[in-house]
Amino acid sequence: MKRYMTESDLKQLEQMKAKTLAGMINYMNYRAKDASAPYTDKDVEECDNVLGEFIGALQNMGLEADQPEILECVKKVVLELNKLNDRTGGCLIETGQREELFTYIDFAARQSGLTSTDADVTEEWREW
């Protein structure tokens, strides 16, 4: 059964993303008290953009999205997050953010019609 993200889904995703980005900013500010922060506001903004592009790509597929297309979107967002996290020395995505990002990506993909039975659709490509 094909699905499409509703306004409620989009609102929930925005809240999830805001929580994750706030955690990144809080950690950055906490670290900046004692030493230089391992990443910058620009890195957090780039994470925001990567996640926004992911949702945009899923929405652009609409009801016609098939499983390989949705998985390709998942792969792309995970690889982009890998690159971003690598550039920050692996510090941008900490344990809490890992779980939140997985939940965000998984929820968005499933609301867009992904029916994979894999427990973690990001695992194949994820390095964080």
Protein backbone atom coordinates (compact mmCIF):
# COMPACT_ATOMS: atom_id res chain seq x y z
CA MET A 1 0.00 0.00 0.00
CA LYS A 2 1.48 3.30 -1.08
CA ARG A 3 1.42 6.16 1.37
CA TYR A 4 2.13 9.82 1.30
CA MET A 5 3.26 12.08 4.12
CA THR A 6 0.42 14.04 5.64
CA GLU A 7 0.62 17.50 7.19
CA SER A 8 0.65 15.79 10.58
CA ASP A 9 3.60 13.61 9.50
CA LEU A 10 5.48 16.67 8.26
CA LYS A 11 4.83 18.49 11.54
CA GLN A 12 6.09 15.48 13.48
CA LEU A 13 9.21 15.30 11.30
CA GLU A 14 9.88 19.00 11.83
CA GLN A 15 9.66 18.49 15.60
CA MET A 16 12.02 15.51 15.42
CA LYS A 17 14.50 17.49 13.35
CA ALA A 18 14.32 20.51 15.65
CA LYS A 19 15.06 18.30 18.67
CA THR A 20 18.06 16.72 16.97
CA LEU A 21 19.50 20.03 15.80
CA ALA A 22 18.95 21.58 19.24
CA GLY A 23 20.90 18.71 20.78
CA MET A 24 23.76 19.36 18.38
CA ILE A 25 23.77 23.06 19.22
CA ASN A 26 23.59 22.40 22.96
CA TYR A 27 26.54 20.01 22.77
CA MET A 28 28.51 22.47 20.63
CA ASN A 29 27.87 25.27 23.15
CA TYR A 30 28.74 23.01 26.09
CA ARG A 31 32.04 22.00 24.49
CA ALA A 32 32.86 25.61 23.61
CA LYS A 33 32.98 26.47 27.34
CA ASP A 34 36.05 24.30 27.95
CA ALA A 35 37.61 23.97 24.51
CA SER A 36 36.90 24.71 20.92
CA ALA A 37 33.75 23.07 19.67
CA PRO A 38 34.29 20.15 17.29
CA TYR A 39 31.85 21.65 14.77
CA THR A 40 30.18 24.95 13.96
CA ASP A 41 26.73 26.45 13.43
CA LYS A 42 27.41 26.02 9.71
CA ASP A 43 27.71 22.24 10.18
CA VAL A 44 24.39 22.14 12.04
CA GLU A 45 22.80 24.23 9.28
CA GLU A 46 24.15 21.83 6.69
CA CYS A 47 22.61 18.92 8.62
CA ASP A 48 19.30 20.80 8.59
CA ASN A 49 19.60 21.26 4.81
CA VAL A 50 20.48 17.60 4.19
CA LEU A 51 17.43 16.47 6.16
CA GLY A 52 15.21 19.01 4.42
CA GLU A 53 16.39 17.85 1.00
CA PHE A 54 15.61 14.27 2.00
CA ILE A 55 12.02 15.15 2.87
CA GLY A 56 11.70 17.22 -0.30
CA ALA A 57 12.91 14.32 -2.43
CA LEU A 58 10.42 11.95 -0.81
CA GLN A 59 7.58 14.42 -1.28
CA ASN A 60 8.49 14.98 -4.94
CA MET A 61 8.04 11.27 -5.57
CA GLY A 62 4.47 11.48 -4.30
CA LEU A 63 2.22 8.47 -4.56
CA GLU A 64 4.21 7.03 -7.43
CA ALA A 65 7.25 6.24 -5.27
CA ASP A 66 8.41 2.65 -5.41
CA GLN A 67 10.61 0.78 -2.94
CA PRO A 68 13.92 1.22 -4.82
CA GLU A 69 13.32 4.98 -5.20
CA ILE A 70 12.57 5.42 -1.51
CA LEU A 71 15.61 3.34 -0.55
CA GLU A 72 17.75 5.45 -2.88
CA CYS A 73 16.60 8.56 -0.97
CA VAL A 74 17.49 6.85 2.31
CA LYS A 75 20.90 5.89 0.97
CA LYS A 76 21.56 9.42 -0.26
CA VAL A 77 20.67 11.11 3.05
CA VAL A 78 22.73 8.60 5.04
CA LEU A 79 25.77 9.06 2.79
CA GLU A 80 25.46 12.85 3.04
CA LEU A 81 25.25 12.62 6.83
CA ASN A 82 28.29 10.31 6.82
CA LYS A 83 30.30 12.93 4.90
CA LEU A 84 29.18 15.73 7.18
CA ASN A 85 29.95 13.75 10.31
CA ASP A 86 33.38 12.78 8.92
CA ARG A 87 34.21 16.45 8.33
CA THR A 88 33.53 17.14 12.01
CA GLY A 89 35.78 14.34 13.20
CA GLY A 90 32.78 12.14 13.97
CA CYS A 91 31.54 14.61 16.60
CA LEU A 92 28.39 16.02 15.02
CA ILE A 93 26.33 12.86 15.34
CA GLU A 94 26.59 11.54 18.88
CA THR A 95 24.65 8.62 20.40
CA GLY A 96 21.45 10.59 20.99
CA GLN A 97 21.51 12.06 17.51
CA ARG A 98 22.16 8.64 15.95
CA GLU A 99 18.94 7.30 17.36
CA GLU A 100 17.00 10.45 16.53
CA LEU A 101 18.29 10.56 12.96
CA PHE A 102 17.49 6.90 12.42
CA THR A 103 13.95 7.47 13.74
CA TYR A 104 13.54 10.54 11.52
CA ILE A 105 14.77 8.79 8.37
CA ASP A 106 12.85 5.58 9.06
CA PHE A 107 9.59 7.39 9.85
CA ALA A 108 9.82 9.58 6.74
CA ALA A 109 10.61 6.62 4.48
CA ARG A 110 7.82 4.46 5.88
CA GLN A 111 5.27 7.27 5.69
CA SER A 112 6.30 7.63 2.05
CA GLY A 113 5.53 3.98 1.38
CA LEU A 114 8.63 1.99 2.34
CA THR A 115 7.61 -1.50 3.40
CA SER A 116 11.05 -2.97 4.06
CA THR A 117 11.14 -5.46 6.89
CA ASP A 118 14.69 -4.43 7.83
CA ALA A 119 14.77 -3.18 11.40
CA ASP A 120 17.26 -0.46 10.41
CA VAL A 121 16.96 0.79 6.85
CA THR A 122 20.03 3.01 7.33
CA GLU A 123 22.41 0.29 8.55
CA GLU A 124 23.75 -0.72 5.14
CA TRP A 125 25.23 2.75 4.52
CA ARG A 126 25.48 4.33 7.98
CA GLU A 127 28.88 5.07 9.51
CA TRP A 128 27.62 7.09 12.48
